[in-house]
Amino acid sequence: ASSDDKPPDITHIVFVVHGIGQKMETGRIIKNCTSLRENLKWLKEKQFAGCDFGQQTIEFFPVEWRSNLTLDAGLIESITPHKIIGLRQMLNASFMDIMYYNSSQYREE
């Protein structure tokens, strides 16, 4: 091996931060980063084929912020009737971020 065998240095870093609904589909942010990498590669090859970008390398880093939060400590699930638990879980996973963000109690979290 030689020093020329190493991958090129990263020149640009893009942090990909998910929005609402990430709790619903675990790992989606990683899939989205992969998709961004693939789209960028396609864009460079198809739309900018004649351009010289030099040794520029862009890396996408997923930022998954929600998994470590314990905001309601199970309170929402404990007061939900069993007949609508599926609906409540879907609503919690897709809209709860909005309610937490607008709540003075949880906004800082």
PDB file of N, CA and C in Angstrom:
ATOM      1  N   ALA A   1       0.839  -1.181   0.000  1.00  0.00           N
ATOM      2  CA  ALA A   1       0.000   0.000   0.000  1.00  0.00           C
ATOM      3  C   ALA A   1       0.887   1.248   0.000  1.00  0.00           C
ATOM      4  N   SER A   2       0.359   2.280  -0.609  1.00  0.00           N
ATOM      5  CA  SER A   2       1.065   3.553  -0.620  1.00  0.00           C
ATOM      6  C   SER A   2       0.110   4.656  -0.217  1.00  0.00           C
ATOM      7  N   SER A   3       0.633   5.857  -0.044  1.00  0.00           N
ATOM      8  CA  SER A   3      -0.224   6.982   0.350  1.00  0.00           C
ATOM      9  C   SER A   3      -1.228   7.344  -0.744  1.00  0.00           C
ATOM     10  N   ASP A   4      -0.960   6.915  -1.981  1.00  0.00           N
ATOM     11  CA  ASP A   4      -1.899   7.183  -3.073  1.00  0.00           C
ATOM     12  C   ASP A   4      -3.116   6.263  -3.028  1.00  0.00           C
ATOM     13  N   ASP A   5      -3.055   5.194  -2.246  1.00  0.00           N
ATOM     14  CA  ASP A   5      -4.150   4.230  -2.169  1.00  0.00           C
ATOM     15  C   ASP A   5      -5.309   4.703  -1.296  1.00  0.00           C
ATOM     16  N   LYS A   6      -5.113   5.729  -0.500  1.00  0.00           N
ATOM     17  CA  LYS A   6      -6.159   6.185   0.411  1.00  0.00           C
ATOM     18  C   LYS A   6      -7.260   6.923  -0.355  1.00  0.00           C
ATOM     19  N   PRO A   7      -8.472   6.924   0.198  1.00  0.00           N
ATOM     20  CA  PRO A   7      -9.551   7.680  -0.445  1.00  0.00           C
ATOM     21  C   PRO A   7      -9.247   9.173  -0.387  1.00  0.00           C
ATOM     22  N   PRO A   8      -9.837   9.938  -1.298  1.00  0.00           N
ATOM     23  CA  PRO A   8      -9.578  11.384  -1.278  1.00  0.00           C
ATOM     24  C   PRO A   8     -10.089  12.031   0.007  1.00  0.00           C
ATOM     25  N   ASP A   9      -9.446  13.106   0.398  1.00  0.00           N
ATOM     26  CA  ASP A   9      -9.874  13.849   1.582  1.00  0.00           C
ATOM     27  C   ASP A   9     -11.266  14.430   1.357  1.00  0.00           C
ATOM     28  N   ILE A  10     -12.032  14.490   2.417  1.00  0.00           N
ATOM     29  CA  ILE A  10     -13.376  15.067   2.346  1.00  0.00           C
ATOM     30  C   ILE A  10     -13.246  16.585   2.322  1.00  0.00           C
ATOM     31  N   THR A  11     -13.870  17.206   1.326  1.00  0.00           N
ATOM     32  CA  THR A  11     -13.802  18.658   1.196  1.00  0.00           C
ATOM     33  C   THR A  11     -15.099  19.351   1.614  1.00  0.00           C
ATOM     34  N   HIS A  12     -16.205  18.600   1.616  1.00  0.00           N
ATOM     35  CA  HIS A  12     -17.501  19.162   1.998  1.00  0.00           C
ATOM     36  C   HIS A  12     -18.234  18.154   2.877  1.00  0.00           C
ATOM     37  N   ILE A  13     -18.855  18.655   3.939  1.00  0.00           N
ATOM     38  CA  ILE A  13     -19.660  17.812   4.814  1.00  0.00           C
ATOM     39  C   ILE A  13     -21.086  18.356   4.816  1.00  0.00           C
ATOM     40  N   VAL A  14     -22.046  17.448   4.620  1.00  0.00           N
ATOM     41  CA  VAL A  14     -23.460  17.813   4.643  1.00  0.00           C
ATOM     42  C   VAL A  14     -24.106  17.015   5.769  1.00  0.00           C
ATOM     43  N   PHE A  15     -24.691  17.703   6.739  1.00  0.00           N
ATOM     44  CA  PHE A  15     -25.415  17.046   7.813  1.00  0.00           C
ATOM     45  C   PHE A  15     -26.881  16.956   7.403  1.00  0.00           C
ATOM     46  N   VAL A  16     -27.403  15.753   7.376  1.00  0.00           N
ATOM     47  CA  VAL A  16     -28.791  15.520   6.971  1.00  0.00           C
ATOM     48  C   VAL A  16     -29.608  15.298   8.239  1.00  0.00           C
ATOM     49  N   VAL A  17     -30.509  16.221   8.516  1.00  0.00           N
ATOM     50  CA  VAL A  17     -31.324  16.173   9.726  1.00  0.00           C
ATOM     51  C   VAL A  17     -32.760  15.894   9.317  1.00  0.00           C
ATOM     52  N   HIS A  18     -33.337  14.843   9.881  1.00  0.00           N
ATOM     53  CA  HIS A  18     -34.712  14.491   9.535  1.00  0.00           C
ATOM     54  C   HIS A  18     -35.694  15.437  10.196  1.00  0.00           C
ATOM     55  N   GLY A  19     -36.896  15.395   9.694  1.00  0.00           N
ATOM     56  CA  GLY A  19     -37.964  16.196  10.269  1.00  0.00           C
ATOM     57  C   GLY A  19     -38.992  15.299  10.913  1.00  0.00           C
ATOM     58  N   ILE A  20     -40.223  15.553  10.656  1.00  0.00           N
ATOM     59  CA  ILE A  20     -41.332  14.825  11.263  1.00  0.00           C
ATOM     60  C   ILE A  20     -41.424  13.422  10.671  1.00  0.00           C
ATOM     61  N   GLY A  21     -41.754  12.469  11.510  1.00  0.00           N
ATOM     62  CA  GLY A  21     -42.041  11.128  11.036  1.00  0.00           C
ATOM     63  C   GLY A  21     -40.888  10.148  11.093  1.00  0.00           C
ATOM     64  N   GLN A  22     -39.709  10.567  11.482  1.00  0.00           N
ATOM     65  CA  GLN A  22     -38.566   9.653  11.508  1.00  0.00           C
ATOM     66  C   GLN A  22     -38.799   8.483  12.455  1.00  0.00           C
ATOM     67  N   LYS A  23     -39.508   8.695  13.531  1.00  0.00           N
ATOM     68  CA  LYS A  23     -39.754   7.620  14.496  1.00  0.00           C
ATOM     69  C   LYS A  23     -40.538   6.484  13.849  1.00  0.00           C
ATOM     70  N   MET A  24     -41.338   6.816  12.860  1.00  0.00           N
ATOM     71  CA  MET A  24     -42.188   5.830  12.219  1.00  0.00           C
ATOM     72  C   MET A  24     -41.401   4.817  11.404  1.00  0.00           C
ATOM     73  N   GLU A  25     -40.319   5.216  10.820  1.00  0.00           N
ATOM     74  CA  GLU A  25     -39.558   4.337   9.941  1.00  0.00           C
ATOM     75  C   GLU A  25     -38.088   4.360  10.344  1.00  0.00           C
ATOM     76  N   THR A  26     -37.709   3.431  11.195  1.00  0.00           N
ATOM     77  CA  THR A  26     -36.345   3.373  11.715  1.00  0.00           C
ATOM     78  C   THR A  26     -35.350   3.177  10.573  1.00  0.00           C
ATOM     79  N   GLY A  27     -34.276   3.940  10.611  1.00  0.00           N
ATOM     80  CA  GLY A  27     -33.229   3.816   9.598  1.00  0.00           C
ATOM     81  C   GLY A  27     -33.466   4.609   8.334  1.00  0.00           C
ATOM     82  N   ARG A  28     -34.565   5.300   8.247  1.00  0.00           N
ATOM     83  CA  ARG A  28     -34.877   6.042   7.021  1.00  0.00           C
ATOM     84  C   ARG A  28     -33.856   7.143   6.737  1.00  0.00           C
ATOM     85  N   ILE A  29     -33.356   7.788   7.765  1.00  0.00           N
ATOM     86  CA  ILE A  29     -32.397   8.870   7.564  1.00  0.00           C
ATOM     87  C   ILE A  29     -31.127   8.342   6.913  1.00  0.00           C
ATOM     88  N   ILE A  30     -30.737   7.126   7.248  1.00  0.00           N
ATOM     89  CA  ILE A  30     -29.557   6.519   6.627  1.00  0.00           C
ATOM     90  C   ILE A  30     -29.837   6.222   5.163  1.00  0.00           C
ATOM     91  N   LYS A  31     -31.037   5.706   4.874  1.00  0.00           N
ATOM     92  CA  LYS A  31     -31.426   5.456   3.479  1.00  0.00           C
ATOM     93  C   LYS A  31     -31.453   6.762   2.691  1.00  0.00           C
ATOM     94  N   ASN A  32     -31.920   7.824   3.316  1.00  0.00           N
ATOM     95  CA  ASN A  32     -31.973   9.115   2.636  1.00  0.00           C
ATOM     96  C   ASN A  32     -30.576   9.640   2.327  1.00  0.00           C
ATOM     97  N   CYS A  33     -29.636   9.436   3.230  1.00  0.00           N
ATOM     98  CA  CYS A  33     -28.247   9.852   2.974  1.00  0.00           C
ATOM     99  C   CYS A  33     -27.664   9.076   1.796  1.00  0.00           C
ATOM    100  N   THR A  34     -27.940   7.788   1.753  1.00  0.00           N
ATOM    101  CA  THR A  34     -27.475   6.966   0.635  1.00  0.00           C
ATOM    102  C   THR A  34     -28.085   7.455  -0.669  1.00  0.00           C
ATOM    103  N   SER A  35     -29.350   7.776  -0.634  1.00  0.00           N
ATOM    104  CA  SER A  35     -30.030   8.296  -1.822  1.00  0.00           C
ATOM    105  C   SER A  35     -29.422   9.627  -2.265  1.00  0.00           C
ATOM    106  N   LEU A  36     -29.108  10.503  -1.320  1.00  0.00           N
ATOM    107  CA  LEU A  36     -28.469  11.776  -1.661  1.00  0.00           C
ATOM    108  C   LEU A  36     -27.110  11.560  -2.325  1.00  0.00           C
ATOM    109  N   ARG A  37     -26.330  10.628  -1.791  1.00  0.00           N
ATOM    110  CA  ARG A  37     -25.026  10.314  -2.392  1.00  0.00           C
ATOM    111  C   ARG A  37     -25.193   9.835  -3.838  1.00  0.00           C
ATOM    112  N   GLU A  38     -26.136   8.916  -4.037  1.00  0.00           N
ATOM    113  CA  GLU A  38     -26.376   8.370  -5.377  1.00  0.00           C
ATOM    114  C   GLU A  38     -26.879   9.443  -6.340  1.00  0.00           C
ATOM    115  N   ASN A  39     -27.774  10.297  -5.868  1.00  0.00           N
ATOM    116  CA  ASN A  39     -28.293  11.378  -6.716  1.00  0.00           C
ATOM    117  C   ASN A  39     -27.200  12.372  -7.087  1.00  0.00           C
ATOM    118  N   LEU A  40     -26.331  12.675  -6.148  1.00  0.00           N
ATOM    119  CA  LEU A  40     -25.233  13.589  -6.426  1.00  0.00           C
ATOM    120  C   LEU A  40     -24.281  12.989  -7.458  1.00  0.00           C
ATOM    121  N   LYS A  41     -23.990  11.708  -7.321  1.00  0.00           N
ATOM    122  CA  LYS A  41     -23.121  11.034  -8.288  1.00  0.00           C
ATOM    123  C   LYS A  41     -23.740  11.071  -9.682  1.00  0.00           C
ATOM    124  N   TRP A  42     -25.041  10.757  -9.767  1.00  0.00           N
ATOM    125  CA  TRP A  42     -25.738  10.794 -11.050  1.00  0.00           C
ATOM    126  C   TRP A  42     -25.717  12.198 -11.635  1.00  0.00           C
ATOM    127  N   LEU A  43     -25.979  13.201 -10.792  1.00  0.00           N
ATOM    128  CA  LEU A  43     -26.009  14.588 -11.241  1.00  0.00           C
ATOM    129  C   LEU A  43     -24.656  15.012 -11.810  1.00  0.00           C
ATOM    130  N   LYS A  44     -23.590  14.649 -11.115  1.00  0.00           N
ATOM    131  CA  LYS A  44     -22.248  14.991 -11.603  1.00  0.00           C
ATOM    132  C   LYS A  44     -21.953  14.302 -12.934  1.00  0.00           C
ATOM    133  N   GLU A  45     -22.331  13.031 -13.067  1.00  0.00           N
ATOM    134  CA  GLU A  45     -22.048  12.277 -14.289  1.00  0.00           C
ATOM    135  C   GLU A  45     -22.891  12.732 -15.474  1.00  0.00           C
ATOM    136  N   LYS A  46     -24.164  12.985 -15.251  1.00  0.00           N
ATOM    137  CA  LYS A  46     -25.088  13.289 -16.351  1.00  0.00           C
ATOM    138  C   LYS A  46     -25.178  14.770 -16.689  1.00  0.00           C
ATOM    139  N   GLN A  47     -25.208  15.622 -15.693  1.00  0.00           N
ATOM    140  CA  GLN A  47     -25.450  17.043 -15.933  1.00  0.00           C
ATOM    141  C   GLN A  47     -24.166  17.871 -15.996  1.00  0.00           C
ATOM    142  N   PHE A  48     -23.116  17.387 -15.351  1.00  0.00           N
ATOM    143  CA  PHE A  48     -21.869  18.139 -15.296  1.00  0.00           C
ATOM    144  C   PHE A  48     -20.684  17.296 -15.766  1.00  0.00           C
ATOM    145  N   ALA A  49     -20.916  16.500 -16.800  1.00  0.00           N
ATOM    146  CA  ALA A  49     -19.892  15.559 -17.271  1.00  0.00           C
ATOM    147  C   ALA A  49     -18.610  16.268 -17.708  1.00  0.00           C
ATOM    148  N   GLY A  50     -18.707  17.449 -18.283  1.00  0.00           N
ATOM    149  CA  GLY A  50     -17.537  18.156 -18.775  1.00  0.00           C
ATOM    150  C   GLY A  50     -16.836  19.018 -17.738  1.00  0.00           C
ATOM    151  N   CYS A  51     -17.394  19.119 -16.567  1.00  0.00           N
ATOM    152  CA  CYS A  51     -16.823  19.981 -15.530  1.00  0.00           C
ATOM    153  C   CYS A  51     -15.744  19.257 -14.744  1.00  0.00           C
ATOM    154  N   ASP A  52     -14.735  20.014 -14.369  1.00  0.00           N
ATOM    155  CA  ASP A  52     -13.666  19.466 -13.541  1.00  0.00           C
ATOM    156  C   ASP A  52     -13.874  19.937 -12.105  1.00  0.00           C
ATOM    157  N   PHE A  53     -14.243  19.020 -11.250  1.00  0.00           N
ATOM    158  CA  PHE A  53     -14.458  19.341  -9.842  1.00  0.00           C
ATOM    159  C   PHE A  53     -13.199  19.124  -9.014  1.00  0.00           C
ATOM    160  N   GLY A  54     -12.145  18.693  -9.665  1.00  0.00           N
ATOM    161  CA  GLY A  54     -10.903  18.453  -8.941  1.00  0.00           C
ATOM    162  C   GLY A  54     -11.052  17.291  -7.980  1.00  0.00           C
ATOM    163  N   GLN A  55     -10.431  17.393  -6.862  1.00  0.00           N
ATOM    164  CA  GLN A  55     -10.468  16.322  -5.850  1.00  0.00           C
ATOM    165  C   GLN A  55     -11.507  16.607  -4.765  1.00  0.00           C
ATOM    166  N   GLN A  56     -12.629  17.184  -5.133  1.00  0.00           N
ATOM    167  CA  GLN A  56     -13.652  17.488  -4.142  1.00  0.00           C
ATOM    168  C   GLN A  56     -14.462  16.239  -3.803  1.00  0.00           C
ATOM    169  N   THR A  57     -14.619  16.003  -2.524  1.00  0.00           N
ATOM    170  CA  THR A  57     -15.393  14.863  -2.051  1.00  0.00           C
ATOM    171  C   THR A  57     -16.415  15.362  -1.046  1.00  0.00           C
ATOM    172  N   ILE A  58     -17.666  14.989  -1.271  1.00  0.00           N
ATOM    173  CA  ILE A  58     -18.752  15.396  -0.368  1.00  0.00           C
ATOM    174  C   ILE A  58     -19.179  14.174   0.431  1.00  0.00           C
ATOM    175  N   GLU A  59     -19.330  14.358   1.731  1.00  0.00           N
ATOM    176  CA  GLU A  59     -19.802  13.275   2.591  1.00  0.00           C
ATOM    177  C   GLU A  59     -21.079  13.713   3.282  1.00  0.00           C
ATOM    178  N   PHE A  60     -22.073  12.814   3.305  1.00  0.00           N
ATOM    179  CA  PHE A  60     -23.353  13.079   3.945  1.00  0.00           C
ATOM    180  C   PHE A  60     -23.402  12.322   5.270  1.00  0.00           C
ATOM    181  N   PHE A  61     -23.690  13.033   6.352  1.00  0.00           N
ATOM    182  CA  PHE A  61     -23.787  12.430   7.675  1.00  0.00           C
ATOM    183  C   PHE A  61     -25.216  12.541   8.187  1.00  0.00           C
ATOM    184  N   PRO A  62     -25.855  11.401   8.500  1.00  0.00           N
ATOM    185  CA  PRO A  62     -27.206  11.459   9.060  1.00  0.00           C
ATOM    186  C   PRO A  62     -27.170  11.906  10.522  1.00  0.00           C
ATOM    187  N   VAL A  63     -28.116  12.749  10.884  1.00  0.00           N
ATOM    188  CA  VAL A  63     -28.244  13.202  12.269  1.00  0.00           C
ATOM    189  C   VAL A  63     -29.597  12.701  12.766  1.00  0.00           C
ATOM    190  N   GLU A  64     -29.576  11.686  13.597  1.00  0.00           N
ATOM    191  CA  GLU A  64     -30.796  11.110  14.126  1.00  0.00           C
ATOM    192  C   GLU A  64     -30.910  11.568  15.572  1.00  0.00           C
ATOM    193  N   TRP A  65     -31.699  12.580  15.808  1.00  0.00           N
ATOM    194  CA  TRP A  65     -31.748  13.238  17.106  1.00  0.00           C
ATOM    195  C   TRP A  65     -32.846  12.710  18.016  1.00  0.00           C
ATOM    196  N   ARG A  66     -33.824  12.039  17.474  1.00  0.00           N
ATOM    197  CA  ARG A  66     -35.018  11.747  18.259  1.00  0.00           C
ATOM    198  C   ARG A  66     -34.902  10.493  19.124  1.00  0.00           C
ATOM    199  N   SER A  67     -34.083   9.526  18.735  1.00  0.00           N
ATOM    200  CA  SER A  67     -34.090   8.235  19.429  1.00  0.00           C
ATOM    201  C   SER A  67     -33.686   8.333  20.899  1.00  0.00           C
ATOM    202  N   ASN A  68     -32.890   9.315  21.277  1.00  0.00           N
ATOM    203  CA  ASN A  68     -32.453   9.431  22.673  1.00  0.00           C
ATOM    204  C   ASN A  68     -33.381  10.256  23.547  1.00  0.00           C
ATOM    205  N   LEU A  69     -34.438  10.787  22.977  1.00  0.00           N
ATOM    206  CA  LEU A  69     -35.366  11.600  23.767  1.00  0.00           C
ATOM    207  C   LEU A  69     -36.398  10.723  24.474  1.00  0.00           C
ATOM    208  N   THR A  70     -36.670  11.027  25.702  1.00  0.00           N
ATOM    209  CA  THR A  70     -37.760  10.405  26.442  1.00  0.00           C
ATOM    210  C   THR A  70     -38.635  11.550  26.918  1.00  0.00           C
ATOM    211  N   LEU A  71     -39.586  11.884  26.079  1.00  0.00           N
ATOM    212  CA  LEU A  71     -40.339  13.107  26.348  1.00  0.00           C
ATOM    213  C   LEU A  71     -41.580  12.882  27.213  1.00  0.00           C
ATOM    214  N   ASP A  72     -42.337  11.827  26.948  1.00  0.00           N
ATOM    215  CA  ASP A  72     -43.567  11.657  27.720  1.00  0.00           C
ATOM    216  C   ASP A  72     -43.504  10.470  28.678  1.00  0.00           C
ATOM    217  N   ALA A  73     -42.379   9.764  28.701  1.00  0.00           N
ATOM    218  CA  ALA A  73     -42.153   8.623  29.609  1.00  0.00           C
ATOM    219  C   ALA A  73     -43.290   7.610  29.547  1.00  0.00           C
ATOM    220  N   GLY A  74     -43.884   7.416  28.380  1.00  0.00           N
ATOM    221  CA  GLY A  74     -44.941   6.418  28.214  1.00  0.00           C
ATOM    222  C   GLY A  74     -46.316   6.880  28.606  1.00  0.00           C
ATOM    223  N   LEU A  75     -46.460   8.140  28.992  1.00  0.00           N
ATOM    224  CA  LEU A  75     -47.758   8.657  29.438  1.00  0.00           C
ATOM    225  C   LEU A  75     -48.813   8.557  28.338  1.00  0.00           C
ATOM    226  N   ILE A  76     -48.454   8.966  27.126  1.00  0.00           N
ATOM    227  CA  ILE A  76     -49.419   8.955  26.010  1.00  0.00           C
ATOM    228  C   ILE A  76     -49.960   7.547  25.775  1.00  0.00           C
ATOM    229  N   GLU A  77     -49.075   6.567  25.760  1.00  0.00           N
ATOM    230  CA  GLU A  77     -49.519   5.185  25.522  1.00  0.00           C
ATOM    231  C   GLU A  77     -50.355   4.652  26.681  1.00  0.00           C
ATOM    232  N   SER A  78     -50.053   5.077  27.896  1.00  0.00           N
ATOM    233  CA  SER A  78     -50.788   4.560  29.058  1.00  0.00           C
ATOM    234  C   SER A  78     -52.225   5.073  29.112  1.00  0.00           C
ATOM    235  N   ILE A  79     -52.525   6.202  28.509  1.00  0.00           N
ATOM    236  CA  ILE A  79     -53.887   6.745  28.541  1.00  0.00           C
ATOM    237  C   ILE A  79     -54.662   6.494  27.248  1.00  0.00           C
ATOM    238  N   THR A  80     -54.056   5.765  26.309  1.00  0.00           N
ATOM    239  CA  THR A  80     -54.701   5.494  25.026  1.00  0.00           C
ATOM    240  C   THR A  80     -55.547   4.226  25.112  1.00  0.00           C
ATOM    241  N   PRO A  81     -56.825   4.307  24.746  1.00  0.00           N
ATOM    242  CA  PRO A  81     -57.667   3.093  24.726  1.00  0.00           C
ATOM    243  C   PRO A  81     -57.079   2.050  23.765  1.00  0.00           C
ATOM    244  N   HIS A  82     -57.146   0.774  24.159  1.00  0.00           N
ATOM    245  CA  HIS A  82     -56.538  -0.295  23.370  1.00  0.00           C
ATOM    246  C   HIS A  82     -57.132  -0.421  21.971  1.00  0.00           C
ATOM    247  N   LYS A  83     -58.386  -0.041  21.795  1.00  0.00           N
ATOM    248  CA  LYS A  83     -59.028  -0.173  20.483  1.00  0.00           C
ATOM    249  C   LYS A  83     -58.421   0.754  19.435  1.00  0.00           C
ATOM    250  N   ILE A  84     -57.829   1.855  19.859  1.00  0.00           N
ATOM    251  CA  ILE A  84     -57.249   2.795  18.888  1.00  0.00           C
ATOM    252  C   ILE A  84     -55.729   2.916  19.028  1.00  0.00           C
ATOM    253  N   ILE A  85     -55.096   1.908  19.616  1.00  0.00           N
ATOM    254  CA  ILE A  85     -53.657   1.993  19.852  1.00  0.00           C
ATOM    255  C   ILE A  85     -52.881   2.135  18.535  1.00  0.00           C
ATOM    256  N   GLY A  86     -53.311   1.454  17.474  1.00  0.00           N
ATOM    257  CA  GLY A  86     -52.632   1.556  16.170  1.00  0.00           C
ATOM    258  C   GLY A  86     -52.698   2.966  15.611  1.00  0.00           C
ATOM    259  N   LEU A  87     -53.872   3.571  15.686  1.00  0.00           N
ATOM    260  CA  LEU A  87     -54.048   4.943  15.214  1.00  0.00           C
ATOM    261  C   LEU A  87     -53.206   5.901  16.052  1.00  0.00           C
ATOM    262  N   ARG A  88     -53.210   5.729  17.366  1.00  0.00           N
ATOM    263  CA  ARG A  88     -52.441   6.603  18.244  1.00  0.00           C
ATOM    264  C   ARG A  88     -50.943   6.482  17.955  1.00  0.00           C
ATOM    265  N   GLN A  89     -50.444   5.280  17.741  1.00  0.00           N
ATOM    266  CA  GLN A  89     -49.028   5.086  17.445  1.00  0.00           C
ATOM    267  C   GLN A  89     -48.649   5.770  16.135  1.00  0.00           C
ATOM    268  N   MET A  90     -49.519   5.655  15.128  1.00  0.00           N
ATOM    269  CA  MET A  90     -49.251   6.307  13.850  1.00  0.00           C
ATOM    270  C   MET A  90     -49.242   7.827  14.005  1.00  0.00           C
ATOM    271  N   LEU A  91     -50.189   8.381  14.738  1.00  0.00           N
ATOM    272  CA  LEU A  91     -50.233   9.823  14.963  1.00  0.00           C
ATOM    273  C   LEU A  91     -49.038  10.293  15.787  1.00  0.00           C
ATOM    274  N   ASN A  92     -48.682   9.531  16.823  1.00  0.00           N
ATOM    275  CA  ASN A  92     -47.520   9.891  17.634  1.00  0.00           C
ATOM    276  C   ASN A  92     -46.248   9.914  16.791  1.00  0.00           C
ATOM    277  N   ALA A  93     -46.101   8.922  15.941  1.00  0.00           N
ATOM    278  CA  ALA A  93     -44.884   8.817  15.136  1.00  0.00           C
ATOM    279  C   ALA A  93     -44.784   9.896  14.079  1.00  0.00           C
ATOM    280  N   SER A  94     -45.921  10.382  13.601  1.00  0.00           N
ATOM    281  CA  SER A  94     -45.854  11.340  12.500  1.00  0.00           C
ATOM    282  C   SER A  94     -46.103  12.792  12.893  1.00  0.00           C
ATOM    283  N   PHE A  95     -46.824  13.059  13.984  1.00  0.00           N
ATOM    284  CA  PHE A  95     -47.160  14.441  14.328  1.00  0.00           C
ATOM    285  C   PHE A  95     -46.681  14.903  15.699  1.00  0.00           C
ATOM    286  N   MET A  96     -46.155  13.995  16.489  1.00  0.00           N
ATOM    287  CA  MET A  96     -45.778  14.357  17.844  1.00  0.00           C
ATOM    288  C   MET A  96     -44.644  15.382  17.867  1.00  0.00           C
ATOM    289  N   ASP A  97     -43.755  15.360  16.862  1.00  0.00           N
ATOM    290  CA  ASP A  97     -42.663  16.334  16.805  1.00  0.00           C
ATOM    291  C   ASP A  97     -43.195  17.763  16.838  1.00  0.00           C
ATOM    292  N   ILE A  98     -44.282  18.002  16.142  1.00  0.00           N
ATOM    293  CA  ILE A  98     -44.868  19.352  16.094  1.00  0.00           C
ATOM    294  C   ILE A  98     -45.338  19.769  17.486  1.00  0.00           C
ATOM    295  N   MET A  99     -46.017  18.855  18.162  1.00  0.00           N
ATOM    296  CA  MET A  99     -46.527  19.179  19.495  1.00  0.00           C
ATOM    297  C   MET A  99     -45.378  19.403  20.488  1.00  0.00           C
ATOM    298  N   TYR A 100     -44.328  18.574  20.406  1.00  0.00           N
ATOM    299  CA  TYR A 100     -43.179  18.770  21.294  1.00  0.00           C
ATOM    300  C   TYR A 100     -42.498  20.108  21.023  1.00  0.00           C
ATOM    301  N   TYR A 101     -42.335  20.441  19.753  1.00  0.00           N
ATOM    302  CA  TYR A 101     -41.662  21.693  19.408  1.00  0.00           C
ATOM    303  C   TYR A 101     -42.456  22.904  19.891  1.00  0.00           C
ATOM    304  N   ASN A 102     -43.762  22.825  19.832  1.00  0.00           N
ATOM    305  CA  ASN A 102     -44.603  23.939  20.253  1.00  0.00           C
ATOM    306  C   ASN A 102     -44.858  23.976  21.754  1.00  0.00           C
ATOM    307  N   SER A 103     -44.439  22.964  22.463  1.00  0.00           N
ATOM    308  CA  SER A 103     -44.646  22.892  23.902  1.00  0.00           C
ATOM    309  C   SER A 103     -43.510  23.611  24.637  1.00  0.00           C
ATOM    310  N   SER A 104     -43.861  24.515  25.529  1.00  0.00           N
ATOM    311  CA  SER A 104     -42.818  25.209  26.297  1.00  0.00           C
ATOM    312  C   SER A 104     -42.058  24.243  27.204  1.00  0.00           C
ATOM    313  N   GLN A 105     -42.697  23.171  27.616  1.00  0.00           N
ATOM    314  CA  GLN A 105     -42.072  22.194  28.506  1.00  0.00           C
ATOM    315  C   GLN A 105     -40.991  21.382  27.767  1.00  0.00           C
ATOM    316  N   TYR A 106     -41.229  21.002  26.505  1.00  0.00           N
ATOM    317  CA  TYR A 106     -40.325  20.100  25.787  1.00  0.00           C
ATOM    318  C   TYR A 106     -39.502  20.781  24.700  1.00  0.00           C
ATOM    319  N   ARG A 107     -39.760  22.013  24.389  1.00  0.00           N
ATOM    320  CA  ARG A 107     -39.078  22.702  23.291  1.00  0.00           C
ATOM    321  C   ARG A 107     -37.563  22.653  23.410  1.00  0.00           C
ATOM    322  N   GLU A 108     -37.046  22.888  24.609  1.00  0.00           N
ATOM    323  CA  GLU A 108     -35.595  22.887  24.802  1.00  0.00           C
ATOM    324  C   GLU A 108     -34.977  21.520  24.523  1.00  0.00           C
ATOM    325  N   GLU A 109     -35.697  20.451  24.859  1.00  0.00           N
ATOM    326  CA  GLU A 109     -35.200  19.101  24.568  1.00  0.00           C
ATOM    327  C   GLU A 109     -34.978  18.973  23.077  1.00  0.00           C
TER     328      GLU A 109
END
